[in-house]
Amino acid sequence: MTSEVEHRHVDVNGVRLHIAEQGRGPLVLLLHGFPESWYSWRHQFEPLAAAGYRVVAPDQRGYGRSEQPDDIAAYSLLHLTGDVVGLIHALGEERAVVVGHDWGAPVAWTTALLRPDVVRAVAGLSVPPLPRGPEPPLRGLRAVLGDGFYQQYFQEPGRADAELARDPAATFRALLTGGSGDSPRTDPPRPWVIPDGETLLDTMPEPKQLPDWLTDEDIDAFVREYAHHGERAFTGGLNWYRNIDRNWELLAPFQGRGIEMPALFVAGDRDLVRAFPGMDQVLSNLELIAPRLHRSLTLAGCGHWTQQERPEEVNAALLDFLDHLPAEG
């Protein structure tokens, strides 16, 4: 029998991060996305710990019980990958397998890209490793999808922040259901665009009933985690989006570098990320950026919340990936 999930705080790069951890053995770091927290990995702790791994899921900077820096520029990918490296070392480890979902996936991929000495293997859920394009991402997305694309909508400080924080329970019910494989808007998946005169949540109304994989207790858990920052509950996570073009600038020196270590990619066929411009080409050429790709797994009928919607399949894929890694040392 494995231990229970334990909680504590760790100081990393001047930011106090909350972590949840369980098990002993080689370190597996689980990085959540938006709008989520450590709780997004609730179904992964026990299976991975029982298989002999030390499982750690932080609330990344700006989220949940972790500190939320005021400066928008403090949420660049260099800051976020620095947190991953610092956390691995703060946990007394030299290396880790890093797994990320949604925004956590770019953090995982970028940490693997920049610090292959620290990342033993890397897995991304929902978001694949993206080659750096020829122009700032928001400019290209605006040209194709207009100013209503949700990443553009998130750029104005305060607007989406207030809207999402007005009723967090309603926000979580709407976003988690609306982005899932149970939503009509993901069949087929299409870009999330907010028409002129509408708000973010107008495009993804609160459901009458939650899907089978999501309970009222889950919604309450997310609300409790986000209550620590009050009216700024979603601001930390939104600030990640406000660094998209800055990330493109900061990563210029690493143009053309690939992922050197073993890699895994898992996503649903009804994930809205699949509808991003150029994503089909990226997904069909994953081996070009990750030549040691162990597997690219597509989950039929699954939406964006991969490890929550399909925990058994995701756990099986992760355990198979971990089992095939070269032994340490």
C-alpha atoms as a PDB file:
ATOM      1  CA  MET A   1       0.000   0.000   0.000  1.00  0.00           C
ATOM      2  CA  THR A   2       1.375   3.409  -0.962  1.00  0.00           C
ATOM      3  CA  SER A   3       1.376   6.505   1.201  1.00  0.00           C
ATOM      4  CA  GLU A   4      -1.242   9.223   1.008  1.00  0.00           C
ATOM      5  CA  VAL A   5      -0.815  12.406  -1.028  1.00  0.00           C
ATOM      6  CA  GLU A   6       1.018  14.925   1.139  1.00  0.00           C
ATOM      7  CA  HIS A   7       1.144  18.696   0.793  1.00  0.00           C
ATOM      8  CA  ARG A   8       3.821  21.271   1.575  1.00  0.00           C
ATOM      9  CA  HIS A   9       5.477  24.415   0.228  1.00  0.00           C
ATOM     10  CA  VAL A  10       8.899  24.763  -1.386  1.00  0.00           C
ATOM     11  CA  ASP A  11      10.762  28.019  -2.071  1.00  0.00           C
ATOM     12  CA  VAL A  12      11.969  28.106  -5.672  1.00  0.00           C
ATOM     13  CA  ASN A  13      13.554  31.114  -7.401  1.00  0.00           C
ATOM     14  CA  GLY A  14      12.047  33.535  -4.918  1.00  0.00           C
ATOM     15  CA  VAL A  15       8.525  32.115  -5.316  1.00  0.00           C
ATOM     16  CA  ARG A  16       6.816  29.891  -2.761  1.00  0.00           C
ATOM     17  CA  LEU A  17       5.290  26.908  -4.568  1.00  0.00           C
ATOM     18  CA  HIS A  18       2.733  24.511  -3.160  1.00  0.00           C
ATOM     19  CA  ILE A  19       3.353  20.865  -4.067  1.00  0.00           C
ATOM     20  CA  ALA A  20       1.443  17.617  -3.674  1.00  0.00           C
ATOM     21  CA  GLU A  21       3.527  14.443  -3.515  1.00  0.00           C
ATOM     22  CA  GLN A  22       3.188  10.710  -3.060  1.00  0.00           C
ATOM     23  CA  GLY A  23       5.428   7.666  -3.301  1.00  0.00           C
ATOM     24  CA  ARG A  24       9.138   6.912  -3.365  1.00  0.00           C
ATOM     25  CA  GLY A  25      11.503   6.201  -6.218  1.00  0.00           C
ATOM     26  CA  PRO A  26      12.549   8.030  -9.386  1.00  0.00           C
ATOM     27  CA  LEU A  27      10.972  11.483  -9.571  1.00  0.00           C
ATOM     28  CA  VAL A  28       8.053  12.119 -11.914  1.00  0.00           C
ATOM     29  CA  LEU A  29       6.996  15.770 -12.043  1.00  0.00           C
ATOM     30  CA  LEU A  30       3.434  16.522 -13.191  1.00  0.00           C
ATOM     31  CA  LEU A  31       2.738  20.041 -14.529  1.00  0.00           C
ATOM     32  CA  HIS A  32      -0.858  21.232 -14.862  1.00  0.00           C
ATOM     33  CA  GLY A  33      -2.345  23.721 -17.317  1.00  0.00           C
ATOM     34  CA  PHE A  34      -5.027  26.441 -17.375  1.00  0.00           C
ATOM     35  CA  PRO A  35      -7.306  26.765 -15.502  1.00  0.00           C
ATOM     36  CA  GLU A  36      -6.152  23.915 -13.305  1.00  0.00           C
ATOM     37  CA  SER A  37      -3.962  22.993 -10.331  1.00  0.00           C
ATOM     38  CA  TRP A  38      -2.217  20.001  -8.769  1.00  0.00           C
ATOM     39  CA  TYR A  39      -5.712  18.511  -8.413  1.00  0.00           C
ATOM     40  CA  SER A  40      -5.857  17.948 -12.178  1.00  0.00           C
ATOM     41  CA  TRP A  41      -3.535  14.971 -11.590  1.00  0.00           C
ATOM     42  CA  ARG A  42      -5.674  13.377  -8.852  1.00  0.00           C
ATOM     43  CA  HIS A  43      -6.052  10.166 -10.869  1.00  0.00           C
ATOM     44  CA  GLN A  44      -2.314   9.781 -11.539  1.00  0.00           C
ATOM     45  CA  PHE A  45      -0.837   9.870  -8.017  1.00  0.00           C
ATOM     46  CA  GLU A  46      -1.815   6.430  -6.764  1.00  0.00           C
ATOM     47  CA  PRO A  47      -1.046   4.383  -9.919  1.00  0.00           C
ATOM     48  CA  LEU A  48       2.363   5.989 -10.475  1.00  0.00           C
ATOM     49  CA  ALA A  49       3.314   5.837  -6.790  1.00  0.00           C
ATOM     50  CA  ALA A  50       2.227   2.191  -6.605  1.00  0.00           C
ATOM     51  CA  ALA A  51       4.490   1.451  -9.563  1.00  0.00           C
ATOM     52  CA  GLY A  52       7.503   2.725  -7.629  1.00  0.00           C
ATOM     53  CA  TYR A  53       7.748   6.403  -8.515  1.00  0.00           C
ATOM     54  CA  ARG A  54       7.932   9.586  -6.473  1.00  0.00           C
ATOM     55  CA  VAL A  55       5.104  11.688  -7.889  1.00  0.00           C
ATOM     56  CA  VAL A  56       5.132  15.455  -7.385  1.00  0.00           C
ATOM     57  CA  ALA A  57       2.564  17.891  -8.799  1.00  0.00           C
ATOM     58  CA  PRO A  58       3.090  21.584  -8.040  1.00  0.00           C
ATOM     59  CA  ASP A  59       0.680  24.436  -8.295  1.00  0.00           C
ATOM     60  CA  GLN A  60       2.781  26.338 -10.808  1.00  0.00           C
ATOM     61  CA  ARG A  61       3.570  29.993 -10.149  1.00  0.00           C
ATOM     62  CA  GLY A  62       0.439  32.121 -10.035  1.00  0.00           C
ATOM     63  CA  TYR A  63      -1.893  29.193  -9.400  1.00  0.00           C
ATOM     64  CA  GLY A  64      -3.748  27.742  -6.419  1.00  0.00           C
ATOM     65  CA  ARG A  65      -1.804  27.771  -3.181  1.00  0.00           C
ATOM     66  CA  SER A  66       1.423  28.969  -4.806  1.00  0.00           C
ATOM     67  CA  GLU A  67       2.541  32.585  -4.786  1.00  0.00           C
ATOM     68  CA  GLN A  68       1.423  34.931  -7.526  1.00  0.00           C
ATOM     69  CA  PRO A  69       4.033  37.514  -8.606  1.00  0.00           C
ATOM     70  CA  ASP A  70       2.529  40.868  -9.607  1.00  0.00           C
ATOM     71  CA  ASP A  71       4.731  41.494 -12.629  1.00  0.00           C
ATOM     72  CA  ILE A  72       3.272  40.064 -15.851  1.00  0.00           C
ATOM     73  CA  ALA A  73       6.807  39.551 -17.179  1.00  0.00           C
ATOM     74  CA  ALA A  74       7.479  37.118 -14.294  1.00  0.00           C
ATOM     75  CA  TYR A  75       5.465  34.432 -16.116  1.00  0.00           C
ATOM     76  CA  SER A  76       7.681  33.868 -19.163  1.00  0.00           C
ATOM     77  CA  LEU A  77       8.677  30.366 -20.197  1.00  0.00           C
ATOM     78  CA  LEU A  78      12.182  31.057 -18.903  1.00  0.00           C
ATOM     79  CA  HIS A  79      10.745  31.751 -15.447  1.00  0.00           C
ATOM     80  CA  LEU A  80       8.517  28.679 -15.633  1.00  0.00           C
ATOM     81  CA  THR A  81      11.252  26.305 -16.797  1.00  0.00           C
ATOM     82  CA  GLY A  82      13.483  27.807 -14.132  1.00  0.00           C
ATOM     83  CA  ASP A  83      10.862  26.814 -11.571  1.00  0.00           C
ATOM     84  CA  VAL A  84      10.906  23.221 -12.850  1.00  0.00           C
ATOM     85  CA  VAL A  85      14.694  22.975 -12.654  1.00  0.00           C
ATOM     86  CA  GLY A  86      14.735  24.661  -9.241  1.00  0.00           C
ATOM     87  CA  LEU A  87      11.980  22.409  -7.918  1.00  0.00           C
ATOM     88  CA  ILE A  88      13.760  19.235  -9.043  1.00  0.00           C
ATOM     89  CA  HIS A  89      16.873  20.339  -7.188  1.00  0.00           C
ATOM     90  CA  ALA A  90      14.907  21.558  -4.145  1.00  0.00           C
ATOM     91  CA  LEU A  91      13.432  18.064  -3.907  1.00  0.00           C
ATOM     92  CA  GLY A  92      16.958  16.694  -3.604  1.00  0.00           C
ATOM     93  CA  GLU A  93      17.048  15.213  -7.102  1.00  0.00           C
ATOM     94  CA  GLU A  94      19.349  15.756 -10.071  1.00  0.00           C
ATOM     95  CA  ARG A  95      16.966  14.595 -12.782  1.00  0.00           C
ATOM     96  CA  ALA A  96      13.276  13.863 -13.314  1.00  0.00           C
ATOM     97  CA  VAL A  97      10.758  12.660 -15.824  1.00  0.00           C
ATOM     98  CA  VAL A  98       8.685  15.756 -16.604  1.00  0.00           C
ATOM     99  CA  VAL A  99       5.051  15.427 -17.725  1.00  0.00           C
ATOM    100  CA  GLY A 100       2.917  18.403 -18.684  1.00  0.00           C
ATOM    101  CA  HIS A 101      -0.667  19.000 -19.784  1.00  0.00           C
ATOM    102  CA  ASP A 102      -2.039  22.054 -21.623  1.00  0.00           C
ATOM    103  CA  TRP A 103       0.273  24.983 -20.635  1.00  0.00           C
ATOM    104  CA  GLY A 104       2.234  22.510 -18.545  1.00  0.00           C
ATOM    105  CA  ALA A 105       3.211  20.745 -21.783  1.00  0.00           C
ATOM    106  CA  PRO A 106       5.107  23.727 -23.274  1.00  0.00           C
ATOM    107  CA  VAL A 107       6.826  24.123 -19.899  1.00  0.00           C
ATOM    108  CA  ALA A 108       7.810  20.444 -19.980  1.00  0.00           C
ATOM    109  CA  TRP A 109       8.956  20.538 -23.623  1.00  0.00           C
ATOM    110  CA  THR A 110      10.903  23.764 -23.102  1.00  0.00           C
ATOM    111  CA  THR A 111      12.598  22.468 -19.955  1.00  0.00           C
ATOM    112  CA  ALA A 112      13.630  19.374 -21.920  1.00  0.00           C
ATOM    113  CA  LEU A 113      14.901  21.586 -24.738  1.00  0.00           C
ATOM    114  CA  LEU A 114      16.922  23.923 -22.521  1.00  0.00           C
ATOM    115  CA  ARG A 115      18.065  21.541 -19.775  1.00  0.00           C
ATOM    116  CA  PRO A 116      18.515  18.008 -21.130  1.00  0.00           C
ATOM    117  CA  ASP A 117      20.880  17.364 -18.226  1.00  0.00           C
ATOM    118  CA  VAL A 118      17.951  17.691 -15.806  1.00  0.00           C
ATOM    119  CA  VAL A 119      15.121  16.076 -17.786  1.00  0.00           C
ATOM    120  CA  ARG A 120      15.445  12.295 -17.998  1.00  0.00           C
ATOM    121  CA  ALA A 121      12.381  11.965 -20.253  1.00  0.00           C
ATOM    122  CA  VAL A 122       9.453  14.172 -21.210  1.00  0.00           C
ATOM    123  CA  ALA A 123       5.760  13.666 -21.918  1.00  0.00           C
ATOM    124  CA  GLY A 124       3.217  16.164 -23.189  1.00  0.00           C
ATOM    125  CA  LEU A 125      -0.558  15.843 -23.026  1.00  0.00           C
ATOM    126  CA  SER A 126      -2.755  17.868 -25.388  1.00  0.00           C
ATOM    127  CA  VAL A 127      -0.017  20.245 -26.633  1.00  0.00           C
ATOM    128  CA  PRO A 128       2.847  18.840 -28.741  1.00  0.00           C
ATOM    129  CA  PRO A 129       6.343  20.334 -28.945  1.00  0.00           C
ATOM    130  CA  LEU A 130       5.964  23.340 -31.246  1.00  0.00           C
ATOM    131  CA  PRO A 131       8.772  24.517 -33.509  1.00  0.00           C
ATOM    132  CA  ARG A 132       9.500  28.230 -33.200  1.00  0.00           C
ATOM    133  CA  GLY A 133       7.784  30.005 -36.077  1.00  0.00           C
ATOM    134  CA  PRO A 134       9.027  32.874 -38.252  1.00  0.00           C
ATOM    135  CA  GLU A 135       6.917  35.565 -36.552  1.00  0.00           C
ATOM    136  CA  PRO A 136       5.444  36.309 -33.102  1.00  0.00           C
ATOM    137  CA  PRO A 137       2.639  33.765 -32.544  1.00  0.00           C
ATOM    138  CA  LEU A 138      -0.140  36.219 -31.700  1.00  0.00           C
ATOM    139  CA  ARG A 139       0.456  38.143 -34.927  1.00  0.00           C
ATOM    140  CA  GLY A 140       0.032  35.001 -37.000  1.00  0.00           C
ATOM    141  CA  LEU A 141      -2.995  33.837 -35.047  1.00  0.00           C
ATOM    142  CA  ARG A 142      -4.642  37.245 -35.358  1.00  0.00           C
ATOM    143  CA  ALA A 143      -4.205  37.147 -39.129  1.00  0.00           C
ATOM    144  CA  VAL A 144      -5.993  33.791 -39.349  1.00  0.00           C
ATOM    145  CA  LEU A 145      -8.514  33.887 -36.491  1.00  0.00           C
ATOM    146  CA  GLY A 146      -8.971  37.607 -35.742  1.00  0.00           C
ATOM    147  CA  ASP A 147      -9.016  39.473 -32.444  1.00  0.00           C
ATOM    148  CA  GLY A 148     -11.690  37.197 -30.980  1.00  0.00           C
ATOM    149  CA  PHE A 149      -9.379  34.185 -30.641  1.00  0.00           C
ATOM    150  CA  TYR A 150      -9.290  33.387 -26.943  1.00  0.00           C
ATOM    151  CA  GLN A 151      -5.526  33.932 -26.603  1.00  0.00           C
ATOM    152  CA  GLN A 152      -6.006  37.447 -27.980  1.00  0.00           C
ATOM    153  CA  TYR A 153      -8.971  37.962 -25.654  1.00  0.00           C
ATOM    154  CA  PHE A 154      -6.760  37.069 -22.675  1.00  0.00           C
ATOM    155  CA  GLN A 155      -4.191  39.774 -23.476  1.00  0.00           C
ATOM    156  CA  GLU A 156      -5.987  42.722 -21.867  1.00  0.00           C
ATOM    157  CA  PRO A 157      -5.148  42.718 -18.138  1.00  0.00           C
ATOM    158  CA  GLY A 158      -8.248  42.583 -15.974  1.00  0.00           C
ATOM    159  CA  ARG A 159     -10.933  41.721 -18.499  1.00  0.00           C
ATOM    160  CA  ALA A 160     -10.918  37.908 -18.521  1.00  0.00           C
ATOM    161  CA  ASP A 161      -9.589  37.974 -14.946  1.00  0.00           C
ATOM    162  CA  ALA A 162     -12.764  39.587 -13.619  1.00  0.00           C
ATOM    163  CA  GLU A 163     -15.079  37.542 -15.809  1.00  0.00           C
ATOM    164  CA  LEU A 164     -13.665  34.188 -14.723  1.00  0.00           C
ATOM    165  CA  ALA A 165     -13.394  35.135 -11.027  1.00  0.00           C
ATOM    166  CA  ARG A 166     -16.974  36.395 -10.754  1.00  0.00           C
ATOM    167  CA  ASP A 167     -18.317  32.895 -10.081  1.00  0.00           C
ATOM    168  CA  PRO A 168     -15.447  30.370 -10.032  1.00  0.00           C
ATOM    169  CA  ALA A 169     -17.726  27.343  -9.690  1.00  0.00           C
ATOM    170  CA  ALA A 170     -19.682  28.357 -12.794  1.00  0.00           C
ATOM    171  CA  THR A 171     -16.398  29.064 -14.604  1.00  0.00           C
ATOM    172  CA  PHE A 172     -14.986  25.623 -13.891  1.00  0.00           C
ATOM    173  CA  ARG A 173     -18.217  23.882 -14.830  1.00  0.00           C
ATOM    174  CA  ALA A 174     -18.363  25.769 -18.128  1.00  0.00           C
ATOM    175  CA  LEU A 175     -14.715  25.483 -19.171  1.00  0.00           C
ATOM    176  CA  LEU A 176     -14.086  21.910 -18.080  1.00  0.00           C
ATOM    177  CA  THR A 177     -17.280  20.643 -19.696  1.00  0.00           C
ATOM    178  CA  GLY A 178     -17.107  22.880 -22.759  1.00  0.00           C
ATOM    179  CA  GLY A 179     -13.575  21.817 -23.648  1.00  0.00           C
ATOM    180  CA  SER A 180     -14.201  18.111 -23.103  1.00  0.00           C
ATOM    181  CA  GLY A 181     -15.050  15.343 -25.511  1.00  0.00           C
ATOM    182  CA  ASP A 182     -18.585  15.431 -24.110  1.00  0.00           C
ATOM    183  CA  SER A 183     -19.286  18.880 -25.566  1.00  0.00           C
ATOM    184  CA  PRO A 184     -20.997  19.407 -28.944  1.00  0.00           C
ATOM    185  CA  ARG A 185     -18.537  22.218 -29.691  1.00  0.00           C
ATOM    186  CA  THR A 186     -15.637  19.737 -29.864  1.00  0.00           C
ATOM    187  CA  ASP A 187     -17.265  17.537 -32.525  1.00  0.00           C
ATOM    188  CA  PRO A 188     -15.320  18.390 -34.555  1.00  0.00           C
ATOM    189  CA  PRO A 189     -12.907  20.550 -32.523  1.00  0.00           C
ATOM    190  CA  ARG A 190     -12.688  24.157 -33.670  1.00  0.00           C
ATOM    191  CA  PRO A 191     -10.792  27.272 -32.580  1.00  0.00           C
ATOM    192  CA  TRP A 192     -12.204  29.055 -29.547  1.00  0.00           C
ATOM    193  CA  VAL A 193     -13.210  32.450 -30.932  1.00  0.00           C
ATOM    194  CA  ILE A 194     -15.282  35.050 -29.039  1.00  0.00           C
ATOM    195  CA  PRO A 195     -17.562  37.040 -31.379  1.00  0.00           C
ATOM    196  CA  ASP A 196     -17.699  40.833 -31.091  1.00  0.00           C
ATOM    197  CA  GLY A 197     -19.995  41.935 -28.277  1.00  0.00           C
ATOM    198  CA  GLU A 198     -19.831  38.605 -26.439  1.00  0.00           C
ATOM    199  CA  THR A 199     -17.818  37.533 -23.432  1.00  0.00           C
ATOM    200  CA  LEU A 200     -15.641  34.479 -22.988  1.00  0.00           C
ATOM    201  CA  LEU A 201     -18.245  32.537 -21.031  1.00  0.00           C
ATOM    202  CA  ASP A 202     -21.009  33.479 -23.483  1.00  0.00           C
ATOM    203  CA  THR A 203     -19.332  31.115 -25.939  1.00  0.00           C
ATOM    204  CA  MET A 204     -19.152  28.253 -23.439  1.00  0.00           C
ATOM    205  CA  PRO A 205     -22.275  28.377 -21.244  1.00  0.00           C
ATOM    206  CA  GLU A 206     -22.571  26.515 -17.972  1.00  0.00           C
ATOM    207  CA  PRO A 207     -23.842  22.959 -18.606  1.00  0.00           C
ATOM    208  CA  LYS A 208     -27.065  21.589 -17.191  1.00  0.00           C
ATOM    209  CA  GLN A 209     -25.249  18.385 -16.253  1.00  0.00           C
ATOM    210  CA  LEU A 210     -21.605  17.518 -15.685  1.00  0.00           C
ATOM    211  CA  PRO A 211     -19.989  14.761 -17.766  1.00  0.00           C
ATOM    212  CA  ASP A 212     -19.395  11.413 -16.078  1.00  0.00           C
ATOM    213  CA  TRP A 213     -15.671  12.075 -15.482  1.00  0.00           C
ATOM    214  CA  LEU A 214     -16.340  15.312 -13.543  1.00  0.00           C
ATOM    215  CA  THR A 215     -18.222  15.576 -10.227  1.00  0.00           C
ATOM    216  CA  ASP A 216     -19.569  18.388  -8.080  1.00  0.00           C
ATOM    217  CA  GLU A 217     -16.876  17.434  -5.554  1.00  0.00           C
ATOM    218  CA  ASP A 218     -14.222  18.012  -8.245  1.00  0.00           C
ATOM    219  CA  ILE A 219     -15.648  21.462  -8.995  1.00  0.00           C
ATOM    220  CA  ASP A 220     -15.632  22.294  -5.273  1.00  0.00           C
ATOM    221  CA  ALA A 221     -11.992  21.166  -5.034  1.00  0.00           C
ATOM    222  CA  PHE A 222     -10.919  23.467  -7.875  1.00  0.00           C
ATOM    223  CA  VAL A 223     -12.853  26.363  -6.342  1.00  0.00           C
ATOM    224  CA  ARG A 224     -11.135  25.830  -2.976  1.00  0.00           C
ATOM    225  CA  GLU A 225      -7.697  25.783  -4.609  1.00  0.00           C
ATOM    226  CA  TYR A 226      -8.408  29.030  -6.453  1.00  0.00           C
ATOM    227  CA  ALA A 227      -9.879  30.807  -3.431  1.00  0.00           C
ATOM    228  CA  HIS A 228      -6.392  31.678  -2.149  1.00  0.00           C
ATOM    229  CA  HIS A 229      -6.051  34.610  -4.564  1.00  0.00           C
ATOM    230  CA  GLY A 230      -9.568  36.053  -4.298  1.00  0.00           C
ATOM    231  CA  GLU A 231     -10.436  38.422  -7.156  1.00  0.00           C
ATOM    232  CA  ARG A 232      -7.078  37.579  -8.775  1.00  0.00           C
ATOM    233  CA  ALA A 233      -7.829  33.857  -8.725  1.00  0.00           C
ATOM    234  CA  PHE A 234      -7.249  33.476 -12.478  1.00  0.00           C
ATOM    235  CA  THR A 235      -4.781  36.337 -13.012  1.00  0.00           C
ATOM    236  CA  GLY A 236      -1.628  34.286 -12.496  1.00  0.00           C
ATOM    237  CA  GLY A 237      -2.623  31.770 -15.142  1.00  0.00           C
ATOM    238  CA  LEU A 238      -3.798  34.444 -17.575  1.00  0.00           C
ATOM    239  CA  ASN A 239      -0.425  36.153 -17.240  1.00  0.00           C
ATOM    240  CA  TRP A 240       1.136  33.079 -18.875  1.00  0.00           C
ATOM    241  CA  TYR A 241      -0.827  33.959 -22.035  1.00  0.00           C
ATOM    242  CA  ARG A 242       0.365  37.560 -21.813  1.00  0.00           C
ATOM    243  CA  ASN A 243       3.915  36.309 -22.369  1.00  0.00           C
ATOM    244  CA  ILE A 244       3.272  34.343 -25.579  1.00  0.00           C
ATOM    245  CA  ASP A 245       5.062  36.789 -27.877  1.00  0.00           C
ATOM    246  CA  ARG A 246       7.747  37.498 -25.264  1.00  0.00           C
ATOM    247  CA  ASN A 247       8.455  33.761 -25.121  1.00  0.00           C
ATOM    248  CA  TRP A 248       8.989  33.772 -28.889  1.00  0.00           C
ATOM    249  CA  GLU A 249      11.582  36.516 -28.464  1.00  0.00           C
ATOM    250  CA  LEU A 250      13.334  34.910 -25.503  1.00  0.00           C
ATOM    251  CA  LEU A 251      13.676  31.516 -27.182  1.00  0.00           C
ATOM    252  CA  ALA A 252      15.266  32.863 -30.359  1.00  0.00           C
ATOM    253  CA  PRO A 253      18.762  31.575 -29.407  1.00  0.00           C
ATOM    254  CA  PHE A 254      17.408  28.024 -29.308  1.00  0.00           C
ATOM    255  CA  GLN A 255      15.858  28.060 -32.783  1.00  0.00           C
ATOM    256  CA  GLY A 256      16.224  24.644 -34.412  1.00  0.00           C
ATOM    257  CA  ARG A 257      17.079  22.657 -31.289  1.00  0.00           C
ATOM    258  CA  GLY A 258      15.206  19.415 -30.749  1.00  0.00           C
ATOM    259  CA  ILE A 259      14.152  17.195 -27.872  1.00  0.00           C
ATOM    260  CA  GLU A 260      17.077  14.847 -27.160  1.00  0.00           C
ATOM    261  CA  MET A 261      15.553  12.453 -24.629  1.00  0.00           C
ATOM    262  CA  PRO A 262      12.746   9.854 -24.824  1.00  0.00           C
ATOM    263  CA  ALA A 263       9.372  11.514 -25.363  1.00  0.00           C
ATOM    264  CA  LEU A 264       5.672  10.682 -25.276  1.00  0.00           C
ATOM    265  CA  PHE A 265       2.685  12.584 -26.662  1.00  0.00           C
ATOM    266  CA  VAL A 266      -0.962  11.893 -25.785  1.00  0.00           C
ATOM    267  CA  ALA A 267      -4.030  13.852 -26.912  1.00  0.00           C
ATOM    268  CA  GLY A 268      -7.719  13.444 -27.680  1.00  0.00           C
ATOM    269  CA  ASP A 269      -9.085  13.582 -31.194  1.00  0.00           C
ATOM    270  CA  ARG A 270     -11.657  16.154 -29.984  1.00  0.00           C
ATOM    271  CA  ASP A 271      -9.085  18.458 -28.362  1.00  0.00           C
ATOM    272  CA  LEU A 272      -9.495  22.105 -29.421  1.00  0.00           C
ATOM    273  CA  VAL A 273      -5.698  22.344 -29.792  1.00  0.00           C
ATOM    274  CA  ARG A 274      -6.022  20.175 -32.910  1.00  0.00           C
ATOM    275  CA  ALA A 275      -7.903  23.047 -34.553  1.00  0.00           C
ATOM    276  CA  PHE A 276      -5.013  25.515 -34.199  1.00  0.00           C
ATOM    277  CA  PRO A 277      -3.625  26.694 -37.554  1.00  0.00           C
ATOM    278  CA  GLY A 278      -0.825  24.418 -38.758  1.00  0.00           C
ATOM    279  CA  MET A 279      -1.360  21.818 -36.022  1.00  0.00           C
ATOM    280  CA  ASP A 280      -1.963  18.958 -38.461  1.00  0.00           C
ATOM    281  CA  GLN A 281       1.504  19.469 -39.903  1.00  0.00           C
ATOM    282  CA  VAL A 282       3.081  19.598 -36.453  1.00  0.00           C
ATOM    283  CA  LEU A 283       1.373  16.378 -35.341  1.00  0.00           C
ATOM    284  CA  SER A 284       2.391  14.517 -38.496  1.00  0.00           C
ATOM    285  CA  ASN A 285       6.044  15.489 -38.040  1.00  0.00           C
ATOM    286  CA  LEU A 286       6.637  15.032 -34.304  1.00  0.00           C
ATOM    287  CA  GLU A 287       9.723  12.908 -34.901  1.00  0.00           C
ATOM    288  CA  LEU A 288      11.475  15.880 -36.502  1.00  0.00           C
ATOM    289  CA  ILE A 289      11.573  17.774 -33.192  1.00  0.00           C
ATOM    290  CA  ALA A 290      11.463  14.696 -30.913  1.00  0.00           C
ATOM    291  CA  PRO A 291      13.468  11.978 -32.720  1.00  0.00           C
ATOM    292  CA  ARG A 292      13.314   9.650 -29.691  1.00  0.00           C
ATOM    293  CA  LEU A 293       9.514   9.732 -29.604  1.00  0.00           C
ATOM    294  CA  HIS A 294       8.330   6.564 -27.867  1.00  0.00           C
ATOM    295  CA  ARG A 295       4.722   6.940 -28.934  1.00  0.00           C
ATOM    296  CA  SER A 296       2.099   9.396 -30.138  1.00  0.00           C
ATOM    297  CA  LEU A 297      -1.261   8.264 -28.790  1.00  0.00           C
ATOM    298  CA  THR A 298      -4.626   9.627 -29.915  1.00  0.00           C
ATOM    299  CA  LEU A 299      -7.612   8.975 -27.643  1.00  0.00           C
ATOM    300  CA  ALA A 300     -10.870   8.662 -29.566  1.00  0.00           C
ATOM    301  CA  GLY A 301     -13.680  10.843 -28.249  1.00  0.00           C
ATOM    302  CA  CYS A 302     -11.443  12.608 -25.740  1.00  0.00           C
ATOM    303  CA  GLY A 303     -11.357  16.382 -25.485  1.00  0.00           C
ATOM    304  CA  HIS A 304      -8.832  18.758 -23.964  1.00  0.00           C
ATOM    305  CA  TRP A 305      -8.696  17.543 -20.340  1.00  0.00           C
ATOM    306  CA  THR A 306      -6.772  14.415 -21.251  1.00  0.00           C
ATOM    307  CA  GLN A 307      -5.713  12.911 -17.903  1.00  0.00           C
ATOM    308  CA  GLN A 308      -9.006  13.818 -16.250  1.00  0.00           C
ATOM    309  CA  GLU A 309     -11.263  12.538 -19.020  1.00  0.00           C
ATOM    310  CA  ARG A 310      -9.326   9.327 -19.686  1.00  0.00           C
ATOM    311  CA  PRO A 311      -7.270   8.560 -16.573  1.00  0.00           C
ATOM    312  CA  GLU A 312      -6.944   4.799 -17.109  1.00  0.00           C
ATOM    313  CA  GLU A 313      -5.657   5.155 -20.672  1.00  0.00           C
ATOM    314  CA  VAL A 314      -3.321   8.010 -19.757  1.00  0.00           C
ATOM    315  CA  ASN A 315      -1.972   6.105 -16.742  1.00  0.00           C
ATOM    316  CA  ALA A 316      -1.349   3.029 -18.883  1.00  0.00           C
ATOM    317  CA  ALA A 317       0.498   5.134 -21.477  1.00  0.00           C
ATOM    318  CA  LEU A 318       2.619   6.833 -18.819  1.00  0.00           C
ATOM    319  CA  LEU A 319       3.503   3.571 -17.075  1.00  0.00           C
ATOM    320  CA  ASP A 320       4.430   1.942 -20.384  1.00  0.00           C
ATOM    321  CA  PHE A 321       6.613   4.947 -21.232  1.00  0.00           C
ATOM    322  CA  LEU A 322       8.309   4.905 -17.846  1.00  0.00           C
ATOM    323  CA  ASP A 323       8.861   1.164 -18.067  1.00  0.00           C
ATOM    324  CA  HIS A 324      10.747   1.577 -21.356  1.00  0.00           C
ATOM    325  CA  LEU A 325      13.154   4.261 -20.144  1.00  0.00           C
ATOM    326  CA  PRO A 326      16.839   3.382 -19.865  1.00  0.00           C
ATOM    327  CA  ALA A 327      17.911   2.666 -16.295  1.00  0.00           C
ATOM    328  CA  GLU A 328      19.434   5.588 -14.385  1.00  0.00           C
ATOM    329  CA  GLY A 329      23.219   5.561 -14.027  1.00  0.00           C
END
